[in-house]
Amino acid sequence: MLVLSRQRDETIMIGDDIEVTVVDIRGDKVRLGINAPKAISVHRKEVYEAIRRENREAAQVKPEDLSGLGKMANPKGQGQSPPAPPGGSAPPTPPGPQANQPPRDEKKSG
């Protein structure tokens, strides 16, 4: 482990893209500011460990555990596409809430 000493408002660089700045020091607490690319996740260690634990538990789910999920998430067939008309296929259903919105160039009245 590399151990560095820094004072308030001093920065440490990690590679070319990550900056760690000492923002404040109060008693035994140090506040750090971290600038990193959006593609890099930055978490406190306890949060990171909780995320990993949840991901491991989710990876252990068996297909039979999900068998009733469709019935719970979609009661009484709500949100399903209507059946295709006889002799042809139904036009695609637009996704999500945009289906009920007017085109952008229309203006709503009052």
PDB file of N, CA and C in Angstrom:
ATOM      1  N   MET A   1       0.853  -1.184   0.000  1.00  0.00           N
ATOM      2  CA  MET A   1       0.000   0.000   0.000  1.00  0.00           C
ATOM      3  C   MET A   1       0.888   1.233   0.000  1.00  0.00           C
ATOM      4  N   LEU A   2       0.588   2.122  -0.903  1.00  0.00           N
ATOM      5  CA  LEU A   2       1.286   3.393  -0.964  1.00  0.00           C
ATOM      6  C   LEU A   2       0.625   4.342   0.037  1.00  0.00           C
ATOM      7  N   VAL A   3       1.410   4.970   0.889  1.00  0.00           N
ATOM      8  CA  VAL A   3       0.889   5.920   1.875  1.00  0.00           C
ATOM      9  C   VAL A   3       1.475   7.285   1.545  1.00  0.00           C
ATOM     10  N   LEU A   4       0.592   8.262   1.334  1.00  0.00           N
ATOM     11  CA  LEU A   4       1.008   9.619   0.995  1.00  0.00           C
ATOM     12  C   LEU A   4       0.459  10.595   2.017  1.00  0.00           C
ATOM     13  N   SER A   5       1.188  11.653   2.251  1.00  0.00           N
ATOM     14  CA  SER A   5       0.711  12.734   3.117  1.00  0.00           C
ATOM     15  C   SER A   5       0.257  13.882   2.231  1.00  0.00           C
ATOM     16  N   ARG A   6      -0.896  14.434   2.534  1.00  0.00           N
ATOM     17  CA  ARG A   6      -1.439  15.567   1.795  1.00  0.00           C
ATOM     18  C   ARG A   6      -2.068  16.521   2.789  1.00  0.00           C
ATOM     19  N   GLN A   7      -2.045  17.789   2.462  1.00  0.00           N
ATOM     20  CA  GLN A   7      -2.728  18.783   3.268  1.00  0.00           C
ATOM     21  C   GLN A   7      -3.999  19.198   2.550  1.00  0.00           C
ATOM     22  N   ARG A   8      -4.804  19.989   3.228  1.00  0.00           N
ATOM     23  CA  ARG A   8      -6.056  20.457   2.644  1.00  0.00           C
ATOM     24  C   ARG A   8      -5.792  21.125   1.295  1.00  0.00           C
ATOM     25  N   ASP A   9      -6.678  20.862   0.330  1.00  0.00           N
ATOM     26  CA  ASP A   9      -6.627  21.396  -1.030  1.00  0.00           C
ATOM     27  C   ASP A   9      -5.485  20.830  -1.872  1.00  0.00           C
ATOM     28  N   GLU A  10      -4.808  19.812  -1.412  1.00  0.00           N
ATOM     29  CA  GLU A  10      -3.788  19.150  -2.225  1.00  0.00           C
ATOM     30  C   GLU A  10      -4.396  17.912  -2.873  1.00  0.00           C
ATOM     31  N   THR A  11      -3.849  17.538  -4.030  1.00  0.00           N
ATOM     32  CA  THR A  11      -4.435  16.488  -4.867  1.00  0.00           C
ATOM     33  C   THR A  11      -3.444  15.371  -5.129  1.00  0.00           C
ATOM     34  N   ILE A  12      -3.986  14.186  -5.284  1.00  0.00           N
ATOM     35  CA  ILE A  12      -3.232  12.999  -5.692  1.00  0.00           C
ATOM     36  C   ILE A  12      -3.808  12.559  -7.030  1.00  0.00           C
ATOM     37  N   MET A  13      -2.960  12.234  -7.982  1.00  0.00           N
ATOM     38  CA  MET A  13      -3.397  11.729  -9.288  1.00  0.00           C
ATOM     39  C   MET A  13      -3.249  10.216  -9.313  1.00  0.00           C
ATOM     40  N   ILE A  14      -4.276   9.542  -9.831  1.00  0.00           N
ATOM     41  CA  ILE A  14      -4.224   8.098 -10.059  1.00  0.00           C
ATOM     42  C   ILE A  14      -4.350   7.922 -11.564  1.00  0.00           C
ATOM     43  N   GLY A  15      -3.278   7.494 -12.200  1.00  0.00           N
ATOM     44  CA  GLY A  15      -3.258   7.437 -13.657  1.00  0.00           C
ATOM     45  C   GLY A  15      -3.398   8.840 -14.209  1.00  0.00           C
ATOM     46  N   ASP A  16      -3.971   8.942 -15.408  1.00  0.00           N
ATOM     47  CA  ASP A  16      -4.149  10.249 -16.038  1.00  0.00           C
ATOM     48  C   ASP A  16      -5.533  10.833 -15.802  1.00  0.00           C
ATOM     49  N   ASP A  17      -6.481  10.012 -15.300  1.00  0.00           N
ATOM     50  CA  ASP A  17      -7.879  10.415 -15.294  1.00  0.00           C
ATOM     51  C   ASP A  17      -8.514  10.607 -13.921  1.00  0.00           C
ATOM     52  N   ILE A  18      -7.859  10.198 -12.852  1.00  0.00           N
ATOM     53  CA  ILE A  18      -8.503  10.231 -11.536  1.00  0.00           C
ATOM     54  C   ILE A  18      -7.743  11.173 -10.612  1.00  0.00           C
ATOM     55  N   GLU A  19      -8.482  12.123 -10.044  1.00  0.00           N
ATOM     56  CA  GLU A  19      -7.918  13.075  -9.080  1.00  0.00           C
ATOM     57  C   GLU A  19      -8.590  12.877  -7.736  1.00  0.00           C
ATOM     58  N   VAL A  20      -7.792  12.787  -6.688  1.00  0.00           N
ATOM     59  CA  VAL A  20      -8.309  12.695  -5.323  1.00  0.00           C
ATOM     60  C   VAL A  20      -7.779  13.919  -4.579  1.00  0.00           C
ATOM     61  N   THR A  21      -8.691  14.776  -4.126  1.00  0.00           N
ATOM     62  CA  THR A  21      -8.315  16.022  -3.467  1.00  0.00           C
ATOM     63  C   THR A  21      -8.776  16.006  -2.019  1.00  0.00           C
ATOM     64  N   VAL A  22      -7.907  16.441  -1.117  1.00  0.00           N
ATOM     65  CA  VAL A  22      -8.285  16.595   0.293  1.00  0.00           C
ATOM     66  C   VAL A  22      -9.087  17.885   0.381  1.00  0.00           C
ATOM     67  N   VAL A  23     -10.380  17.750   0.656  1.00  0.00           N
ATOM     68  CA  VAL A  23     -11.284  18.897   0.686  1.00  0.00           C
ATOM     69  C   VAL A  23     -11.324  19.532   2.070  1.00  0.00           C
ATOM     70  N   ASP A  24     -11.331  18.704   3.106  1.00  0.00           N
ATOM     71  CA  ASP A  24     -11.456  19.226   4.465  1.00  0.00           C
ATOM     72  C   ASP A  24     -10.898  18.216   5.455  1.00  0.00           C
ATOM     73  N   ILE A  25     -10.390  18.716   6.557  1.00  0.00           N
ATOM     74  CA  ILE A  25      -9.912  17.865   7.654  1.00  0.00           C
ATOM     75  C   ILE A  25     -10.504  18.432   8.940  1.00  0.00           C
ATOM     76  N   ARG A  26     -11.280  17.598   9.627  1.00  0.00           N
ATOM     77  CA  ARG A  26     -11.884  18.020  10.908  1.00  0.00           C
ATOM     78  C   ARG A  26     -11.656  16.908  11.915  1.00  0.00           C
ATOM     79  N   GLY A  27     -10.794  17.126  12.869  1.00  0.00           N
ATOM     80  CA  GLY A  27     -10.513  16.099  13.865  1.00  0.00           C
ATOM     81  C   GLY A  27      -9.960  14.858  13.196  1.00  0.00           C
ATOM     82  N   ASP A  28     -10.640  13.732  13.391  1.00  0.00           N
ATOM     83  CA  ASP A  28     -10.168  12.479  12.807  1.00  0.00           C
ATOM     84  C   ASP A  28     -10.870  12.140  11.491  1.00  0.00           C
ATOM     85  N   LYS A  29     -11.602  13.116  10.919  1.00  0.00           N
ATOM     86  CA  LYS A  29     -12.294  12.890   9.644  1.00  0.00           C
ATOM     87  C   LYS A  29     -11.639  13.698   8.537  1.00  0.00           C
ATOM     88  N   VAL A  30     -11.462  13.028   7.397  1.00  0.00           N
ATOM     89  CA  VAL A  30     -10.907  13.670   6.213  1.00  0.00           C
ATOM     90  C   VAL A  30     -11.955  13.585   5.116  1.00  0.00           C
ATOM     91  N   ARG A  31     -12.279  14.696   4.491  1.00  0.00           N
ATOM     92  CA  ARG A  31     -13.224  14.705   3.369  1.00  0.00           C
ATOM     93  C   ARG A  31     -12.409  14.757   2.083  1.00  0.00           C
ATOM     94  N   LEU A  32     -12.722  13.830   1.180  1.00  0.00           N
ATOM     95  CA  LEU A  32     -12.023  13.738  -0.091  1.00  0.00           C
ATOM     96  C   LEU A  32     -12.966  14.066  -1.230  1.00  0.00           C
ATOM     97  N   GLY A  33     -12.445  14.743  -2.226  1.00  0.00           N
ATOM     98  CA  GLY A  33     -13.180  14.969  -3.467  1.00  0.00           C
ATOM     99  C   GLY A  33     -12.534  14.118  -4.535  1.00  0.00           C
ATOM    100  N   ILE A  34     -13.335  13.411  -5.317  1.00  0.00           N
ATOM    101  CA  ILE A  34     -12.804  12.500  -6.320  1.00  0.00           C
ATOM    102  C   ILE A  34     -13.374  12.876  -7.684  1.00  0.00           C
ATOM    103  N   ASN A  35     -12.498  13.154  -8.629  1.00  0.00           N
ATOM    104  CA  ASN A  35     -12.886  13.375 -10.022  1.00  0.00           C
ATOM    105  C   ASN A  35     -12.417  12.171 -10.814  1.00  0.00           C
ATOM    106  N   ALA A  36     -13.374  11.486 -11.438  1.00  0.00           N
ATOM    107  CA  ALA A  36     -13.064  10.302 -12.231  1.00  0.00           C
ATOM    108  C   ALA A  36     -13.996  10.259 -13.430  1.00  0.00           C
ATOM    109  N   PRO A  37     -13.583   9.594 -14.504  1.00  0.00           N
ATOM    110  CA  PRO A  37     -14.484   9.443 -15.659  1.00  0.00           C
ATOM    111  C   PRO A  37     -15.772   8.744 -15.249  1.00  0.00           C
ATOM    112  N   LYS A  38     -16.851   9.049 -15.951  1.00  0.00           N
ATOM    113  CA  LYS A  38     -18.151   8.454 -15.625  1.00  0.00           C
ATOM    114  C   LYS A  38     -18.128   6.935 -15.723  1.00  0.00           C
ATOM    115  N   ALA A  39     -17.254   6.397 -16.546  1.00  0.00           N
ATOM    116  CA  ALA A  39     -17.182   4.945 -16.720  1.00  0.00           C
ATOM    117  C   ALA A  39     -16.589   4.236 -15.508  1.00  0.00           C
ATOM    118  N   ILE A  40     -16.004   4.998 -14.595  1.00  0.00           N
ATOM    119  CA  ILE A  40     -15.404   4.409 -13.400  1.00  0.00           C
ATOM    120  C   ILE A  40     -16.319   4.650 -12.212  1.00  0.00           C
ATOM    121  N   SER A  41     -16.737   3.565 -11.565  1.00  0.00           N
ATOM    122  CA  SER A  41     -17.590   3.676 -10.378  1.00  0.00           C
ATOM    123  C   SER A  41     -16.728   4.036  -9.175  1.00  0.00           C
ATOM    124  N   VAL A  42     -17.227   4.953  -8.364  1.00  0.00           N
ATOM    125  CA  VAL A  42     -16.536   5.345  -7.140  1.00  0.00           C
ATOM    126  C   VAL A  42     -17.526   5.182  -5.995  1.00  0.00           C
ATOM    127  N   HIS A  43     -17.184   4.322  -5.028  1.00  0.00           N
ATOM    128  CA  HIS A  43     -18.060   4.059  -3.883  1.00  0.00           C
ATOM    129  C   HIS A  43     -17.225   3.988  -2.609  1.00  0.00           C
ATOM    130  N   ARG A  44     -17.848   4.279  -1.478  1.00  0.00           N
ATOM    131  CA  ARG A  44     -17.228   3.943  -0.200  1.00  0.00           C
ATOM    132  C   ARG A  44     -17.135   2.424  -0.138  1.00  0.00           C
ATOM    133  N   LYS A  45     -16.145   1.909   0.576  1.00  0.00           N
ATOM    134  CA  LYS A  45     -15.923   0.467   0.573  1.00  0.00           C
ATOM    135  C   LYS A  45     -17.144  -0.302   1.077  1.00  0.00           C
ATOM    136  N   GLU A  46     -17.812   0.190   2.105  1.00  0.00           N
ATOM    137  CA  GLU A  46     -18.964  -0.553   2.630  1.00  0.00           C
ATOM    138  C   GLU A  46     -20.111  -0.604   1.623  1.00  0.00           C
ATOM    139  N   VAL A  47     -20.269   0.443   0.819  1.00  0.00           N
ATOM    140  CA  VAL A  47     -21.290   0.449  -0.231  1.00  0.00           C
ATOM    141  C   VAL A  47     -20.883  -0.523  -1.336  1.00  0.00           C
ATOM    142  N   TYR A  48     -19.611  -0.495  -1.719  1.00  0.00           N
ATOM    143  CA  TYR A  48     -19.100  -1.402  -2.745  1.00  0.00           C
ATOM    144  C   TYR A  48     -19.316  -2.857  -2.335  1.00  0.00           C
ATOM    145  N   GLU A  49     -19.020  -3.178  -1.080  1.00  0.00           N
ATOM    146  CA  GLU A  49     -19.204  -4.550  -0.609  1.00  0.00           C
ATOM    147  C   GLU A  49     -20.677  -4.946  -0.602  1.00  0.00           C
ATOM    148  N   ALA A  50     -21.561  -4.028  -0.253  1.00  0.00           N
ATOM    149  CA  ALA A  50     -23.001  -4.321  -0.275  1.00  0.00           C
ATOM    150  C   ALA A  50     -23.473  -4.576  -1.703  1.00  0.00           C
ATOM    151  N   ILE A  51     -22.983  -3.797  -2.661  1.00  0.00           N
ATOM    152  CA  ILE A  51     -23.347  -4.006  -4.068  1.00  0.00           C
ATOM    153  C   ILE A  51     -22.876  -5.377  -4.530  1.00  0.00           C
ATOM    154  N   ARG A  52     -21.646  -5.741  -4.201  1.00  0.00           N
ATOM    155  CA  ARG A  52     -21.115  -7.053  -4.598  1.00  0.00           C
ATOM    156  C   ARG A  52     -21.930  -8.182  -3.980  1.00  0.00           C
ATOM    157  N   ARG A  53     -22.293  -8.012  -2.708  1.00  0.00           N
ATOM    158  CA  ARG A  53     -23.087  -9.045  -2.022  1.00  0.00           C
ATOM    159  C   ARG A  53     -24.445  -9.212  -2.704  1.00  0.00           C
ATOM    160  N   GLU A  54     -25.104  -8.111  -3.011  1.00  0.00           N
ATOM    161  CA  GLU A  54     -26.403  -8.164  -3.693  1.00  0.00           C
ATOM    162  C   GLU A  54     -26.274  -8.806  -5.078  1.00  0.00           C
ATOM    163  N   ASN A  55     -25.206  -8.467  -5.794  1.00  0.00           N
ATOM    164  CA  ASN A  55     -25.001  -9.053  -7.124  1.00  0.00           C
ATOM    165  C   ASN A  55     -24.767 -10.554  -7.033  1.00  0.00           C
ATOM    166  N   ARG A  56     -24.009 -10.995  -6.037  1.00  0.00           N
ATOM    167  CA  ARG A  56     -23.785 -12.436  -5.860  1.00  0.00           C
ATOM    168  C   ARG A  56     -25.091 -13.148  -5.546  1.00  0.00           C
ATOM    169  N   GLU A  57     -25.907 -12.545  -4.678  1.00  0.00           N
ATOM    170  CA  GLU A  57     -27.195 -13.158  -4.333  1.00  0.00           C
ATOM    171  C   GLU A  57     -28.116 -13.215  -5.552  1.00  0.00           C
ATOM    172  N   ALA A  58     -28.112 -12.160  -6.360  1.00  0.00           N
ATOM    173  CA  ALA A  58     -28.963 -12.142  -7.552  1.00  0.00           C
ATOM    174  C   ALA A  58     -28.499 -13.192  -8.559  1.00  0.00           C
ATOM    175  N   ALA A  59     -27.201 -13.436  -8.609  1.00  0.00           N
ATOM    176  CA  ALA A  59     -26.670 -14.433  -9.539  1.00  0.00           C
ATOM    177  C   ALA A  59     -27.033 -15.853  -9.115  1.00  0.00           C
ATOM    178  N   GLN A  60     -27.433 -16.036  -7.872  1.00  0.00           N
ATOM    179  CA  GLN A  60     -27.793 -17.359  -7.366  1.00  0.00           C
ATOM    180  C   GLN A  60     -29.251 -17.717  -7.634  1.00  0.00           C
ATOM    181  N   VAL A  61     -30.031 -16.782  -8.173  1.00  0.00           N
ATOM    182  CA  VAL A  61     -31.451 -17.034  -8.439  1.00  0.00           C
ATOM    183  C   VAL A  61     -31.570 -18.106  -9.510  1.00  0.00           C
ATOM    184  N   LYS A  62     -32.438 -19.079  -9.273  1.00  0.00           N
ATOM    185  CA  LYS A  62     -32.658 -20.170 -10.216  1.00  0.00           C
ATOM    186  C   LYS A  62     -33.866 -19.846 -11.085  1.00  0.00           C
ATOM    187  N   PRO A  63     -33.913 -20.367 -12.308  1.00  0.00           N
ATOM    188  CA  PRO A  63     -35.052 -20.078 -13.194  1.00  0.00           C
ATOM    189  C   PRO A  63     -36.402 -20.393 -12.558  1.00  0.00           C
ATOM    190  N   GLU A  64     -36.471 -21.472 -11.771  1.00  0.00           N
ATOM    191  CA  GLU A  64     -37.760 -21.815 -11.153  1.00  0.00           C
ATOM    192  C   GLU A  64     -38.191 -20.780 -10.111  1.00  0.00           C
ATOM    193  N   ASP A  65     -37.224 -20.024  -9.563  1.00  0.00           N
ATOM    194  CA  ASP A  65     -37.565 -18.957  -8.620  1.00  0.00           C
ATOM    195  C   ASP A  65     -38.295 -17.816  -9.326  1.00  0.00           C
ATOM    196  N   LEU A  66     -38.119 -17.703 -10.645  1.00  0.00           N
ATOM    197  CA  LEU A  66     -38.707 -16.609 -11.414  1.00  0.00           C
ATOM    198  C   LEU A  66     -39.995 -17.002 -12.127  1.00  0.00           C
ATOM    199  N   SER A  67     -40.427 -18.247 -11.983  1.00  0.00           N
ATOM    200  CA  SER A  67     -41.572 -18.737 -12.759  1.00  0.00           C
ATOM    201  C   SER A  67     -42.838 -17.925 -12.537  1.00  0.00           C
ATOM    202  N   GLY A  68     -43.115 -17.462 -11.344  1.00  0.00           N
ATOM    203  CA  GLY A  68     -44.329 -16.693 -11.073  1.00  0.00           C
ATOM    204  C   GLY A  68     -44.146 -15.206 -11.255  1.00  0.00           C
ATOM    205  N   LEU A  69     -42.957 -14.764 -11.611  1.00  0.00           N
ATOM    206  CA  LEU A  69     -42.666 -13.343 -11.704  1.00  0.00           C
ATOM    207  C   LEU A  69     -43.504 -12.649 -12.768  1.00  0.00           C
ATOM    208  N   GLY A  70     -43.676 -13.264 -13.926  1.00  0.00           N
ATOM    209  CA  GLY A  70     -44.465 -12.657 -14.994  1.00  0.00           C
ATOM    210  C   GLY A  70     -45.898 -12.414 -14.580  1.00  0.00           C
ATOM    211  N   LYS A  71     -46.464 -13.325 -13.795  1.00  0.00           N
ATOM    212  CA  LYS A  71     -47.850 -13.163 -13.338  1.00  0.00           C
ATOM    213  C   LYS A  71     -47.962 -12.004 -12.360  1.00  0.00           C
ATOM    214  N   MET A  72     -46.948 -11.832 -11.510  1.00  0.00           N
ATOM    215  CA  MET A  72     -46.989 -10.743 -10.525  1.00  0.00           C
ATOM    216  C   MET A  72     -46.752  -9.397 -11.199  1.00  0.00           C
ATOM    217  N   ALA A  73     -45.835  -9.331 -12.158  1.00  0.00           N
ATOM    218  CA  ALA A  73     -45.482  -8.068 -12.789  1.00  0.00           C
ATOM    219  C   ALA A  73     -46.511  -7.626 -13.814  1.00  0.00           C
ATOM    220  N   ASN A  74     -47.331  -8.546 -14.314  1.00  0.00           N
ATOM    221  CA  ASN A  74     -48.269  -8.230 -15.374  1.00  0.00           C
ATOM    222  C   ASN A  74     -49.638  -8.831 -15.064  1.00  0.00           C
ATOM    223  N   PRO A  75     -50.307  -8.370 -13.988  1.00  0.00           N
ATOM    224  CA  PRO A  75     -51.593  -8.964 -13.635  1.00  0.00           C
ATOM    225  C   PRO A  75     -52.648  -8.720 -14.707  1.00  0.00           C
ATOM    226  N   LYS A  76     -53.457  -9.726 -14.955  1.00  0.00           N
ATOM    227  CA  LYS A  76     -54.594  -9.644 -15.884  1.00  0.00           C
ATOM    228  C   LYS A  76     -54.176  -9.223 -17.292  1.00  0.00           C
ATOM    229  N   GLY A  77     -52.930  -9.512 -17.674  1.00  0.00           N
ATOM    230  CA  GLY A  77     -52.491  -9.234 -19.038  1.00  0.00           C
ATOM    231  C   GLY A  77     -52.312  -7.765 -19.356  1.00  0.00           C
ATOM    232  N   GLN A  78     -52.231  -6.882 -18.345  1.00  0.00           N
ATOM    233  CA  GLN A  78     -52.072  -5.458 -18.607  1.00  0.00           C
ATOM    234  C   GLN A  78     -50.721  -5.210 -19.261  1.00  0.00           C
ATOM    235  N   GLY A  79     -50.689  -4.313 -20.218  1.00  0.00           N
ATOM    236  CA  GLY A  79     -49.458  -3.937 -20.864  1.00  0.00           C
ATOM    237  C   GLY A  79     -49.038  -4.864 -21.984  1.00  0.00           C
ATOM    238  N   GLN A  80     -49.807  -5.907 -22.247  1.00  0.00           N
ATOM    239  CA  GLN A  80     -49.456  -6.807 -23.337  1.00  0.00           C
ATOM    240  C   GLN A  80     -49.986  -6.243 -24.643  1.00  0.00           C
ATOM    241  N   SER A  81     -49.328  -6.603 -25.741  1.00  0.00           N
ATOM    242  CA  SER A  81     -49.787  -6.175 -27.062  1.00  0.00           C
ATOM    243  C   SER A  81     -51.088  -6.882 -27.396  1.00  0.00           C
ATOM    244  N   PRO A  82     -52.012  -6.210 -28.101  1.00  0.00           N
ATOM    245  CA  PRO A  82     -53.266  -6.864 -28.500  1.00  0.00           C
ATOM    246  C   PRO A  82     -52.953  -7.967 -29.501  1.00  0.00           C
ATOM    247  N   PRO A  83     -53.832  -8.950 -29.611  1.00  0.00           N
ATOM    248  CA  PRO A  83     -53.582 -10.018 -30.574  1.00  0.00           C
ATOM    249  C   PRO A  83     -53.593  -9.474 -31.995  1.00  0.00           C
ATOM    250  N   ALA A  84     -52.855 -10.148 -32.878  1.00  0.00           N
ATOM    251  CA  ALA A  84     -52.774  -9.721 -34.273  1.00  0.00           C
ATOM    252  C   ALA A  84     -54.129  -9.905 -34.947  1.00  0.00           C
ATOM    253  N   PRO A  85     -54.493  -9.003 -35.874  1.00  0.00           N
ATOM    254  CA  PRO A  85     -55.767  -9.145 -36.582  1.00  0.00           C
ATOM    255  C   PRO A  85     -55.698 -10.361 -37.501  1.00  0.00           C
ATOM    256  N   PRO A  86     -56.848 -10.944 -37.812  1.00  0.00           N
ATOM    257  CA  PRO A  86     -56.842 -12.128 -38.677  1.00  0.00           C
ATOM    258  C   PRO A  86     -56.228 -11.801 -40.034  1.00  0.00           C
ATOM    259  N   GLY A  87     -55.385 -12.700 -40.505  1.00  0.00           N
ATOM    260  CA  GLY A  87     -54.798 -12.565 -41.823  1.00  0.00           C
ATOM    261  C   GLY A  87     -53.652 -11.581 -41.922  1.00  0.00           C
ATOM    262  N   GLY A  88     -53.144 -11.072 -40.840  1.00  0.00           N
ATOM    263  CA  GLY A  88     -52.025 -10.128 -40.913  1.00  0.00           C
ATOM    264  C   GLY A  88     -51.367  -9.966 -39.563  1.00  0.00           C
ATOM    265  N   SER A  89     -50.383  -9.159 -39.542  1.00  0.00           N
ATOM    266  CA  SER A  89     -49.710  -8.924 -38.257  1.00  0.00           C
ATOM    267  C   SER A  89     -50.078  -7.539 -37.751  1.00  0.00           C
ATOM    268  N   ALA A  90     -50.073  -7.406 -36.451  1.00  0.00           N
ATOM    269  CA  ALA A  90     -50.411  -6.124 -35.832  1.00  0.00           C
ATOM    270  C   ALA A  90     -49.244  -5.173 -35.987  1.00  0.00           C
ATOM    271  N   PRO A  91     -49.500  -3.870 -36.125  1.00  0.00           N
ATOM    272  CA  PRO A  91     -48.392  -2.913 -36.173  1.00  0.00           C
ATOM    273  C   PRO A  91     -47.692  -2.911 -34.817  1.00  0.00           C
ATOM    274  N   PRO A  92     -46.411  -2.586 -34.791  1.00  0.00           N
ATOM    275  CA  PRO A  92     -45.693  -2.593 -33.513  1.00  0.00           C
ATOM    276  C   PRO A  92     -46.286  -1.570 -32.555  1.00  0.00           C
ATOM    277  N   THR A  93     -46.319  -1.946 -31.287  1.00  0.00           N
ATOM    278  CA  THR A  93     -46.819  -1.049 -30.251  1.00  0.00           C
ATOM    279  C   THR A  93     -45.673  -0.171 -29.794  1.00  0.00           C
ATOM    280  N   PRO A  94     -45.839   1.168 -29.780  1.00  0.00           N
ATOM    281  CA  PRO A  94     -44.763   2.034 -29.321  1.00  0.00           C
ATOM    282  C   PRO A  94     -44.437   1.734 -27.861  1.00  0.00           C
ATOM    283  N   PRO A  95     -43.165   1.814 -27.477  1.00  0.00           N
ATOM    284  CA  PRO A  95     -42.796   1.515 -26.101  1.00  0.00           C
ATOM    285  C   PRO A  95     -43.160   2.639 -25.147  1.00  0.00           C
ATOM    286  N   GLY A  96     -43.434   2.270 -23.931  1.00  0.00           N
ATOM    287  CA  GLY A  96     -43.574   3.200 -22.816  1.00  0.00           C
ATOM    288  C   GLY A  96     -44.594   4.297 -22.979  1.00  0.00           C
ATOM    289  N   PRO A  97     -44.454   5.352 -22.153  1.00  0.00           N
ATOM    290  CA  PRO A  97     -45.443   6.427 -22.091  1.00  0.00           C
ATOM    291  C   PRO A  97     -45.440   7.336 -23.318  1.00  0.00           C
ATOM    292  N   GLN A  98     -44.430   7.261 -24.189  1.00  0.00           N
ATOM    293  CA  GLN A  98     -44.412   8.145 -25.346  1.00  0.00           C
ATOM    294  C   GLN A  98     -45.594   7.892 -26.266  1.00  0.00           C
ATOM    295  N   ALA A  99     -46.176   6.716 -26.195  1.00  0.00           N
ATOM    296  CA  ALA A  99     -47.278   6.375 -27.089  1.00  0.00           C
ATOM    297  C   ALA A  99     -48.448   7.339 -26.922  1.00  0.00           C
ATOM    298  N   ASN A 100     -48.625   7.908 -25.750  1.00  0.00           N
ATOM    299  CA  ASN A 100     -49.763   8.789 -25.494  1.00  0.00           C
ATOM    300  C   ASN A 100     -49.404  10.259 -25.599  1.00  0.00           C
ATOM    301  N   GLN A 101     -48.161  10.576 -25.984  1.00  0.00           N
ATOM    302  CA  GLN A 101     -47.752  11.964 -26.059  1.00  0.00           C
ATOM    303  C   GLN A 101     -47.930  12.477 -27.481  1.00  0.00           C
ATOM    304  N   PRO A 102     -48.321  13.769 -27.620  1.00  0.00           N
ATOM    305  CA  PRO A 102     -48.455  14.349 -28.967  1.00  0.00           C
ATOM    306  C   PRO A 102     -47.076  14.530 -29.583  1.00  0.00           C
ATOM    307  N   PRO A 103     -46.998  14.642 -30.910  1.00  0.00           N
ATOM    308  CA  PRO A 103     -45.698  14.930 -31.535  1.00  0.00           C
ATOM    309  C   PRO A 103     -45.126  16.207 -30.974  1.00  0.00           C
ATOM    310  N   ARG A 104     -43.825  16.354 -31.009  1.00  0.00           N
ATOM    311  CA  ARG A 104     -43.164  17.492 -30.391  1.00  0.00           C
ATOM    312  C   ARG A 104     -43.565  18.839 -30.968  1.00  0.00           C
ATOM    313  N   ASP A 105     -43.943  18.894 -32.259  1.00  0.00           N
ATOM    314  CA  ASP A 105     -44.272  20.197 -32.832  1.00  0.00           C
ATOM    315  C   ASP A 105     -45.699  20.631 -32.556  1.00  0.00           C
ATOM    316  N   GLU A 106     -46.520  19.771 -31.979  1.00  0.00           N
ATOM    317  CA  GLU A 106     -47.881  20.162 -31.607  1.00  0.00           C
ATOM    318  C   GLU A 106     -47.838  20.887 -30.273  1.00  0.00           C
ATOM    319  N   LYS A 107     -48.711  21.830 -30.091  1.00  0.00           N
ATOM    320  CA  LYS A 107     -48.794  22.518 -28.813  1.00  0.00           C
ATOM    321  C   LYS A 107     -50.106  22.149 -28.154  1.00  0.00           C
ATOM    322  N   LYS A 108     -50.023  21.916 -26.843  1.00  0.00           N
ATOM    323  CA  LYS A 108     -51.239  21.602 -26.093  1.00  0.00           C
ATOM    324  C   LYS A 108     -52.004  22.894 -25.827  1.00  0.00           C
ATOM    325  N   SER A 109     -53.319  22.811 -25.854  1.00  0.00           N
ATOM    326  CA  SER A 109     -54.116  23.986 -25.537  1.00  0.00           C
ATOM    327  C   SER A 109     -54.552  23.945 -24.088  1.00  0.00           C
ATOM    328  N   GLY A 110     -54.498  25.093 -23.455  1.00  0.00           N
ATOM    329  CA  GLY A 110     -54.931  25.397 -22.145  1.00  0.00           C
ATOM    330  C   GLY A 110     -54.906  24.449 -21.113  1.00  0.00           C
TER     331      GLY A 110
END
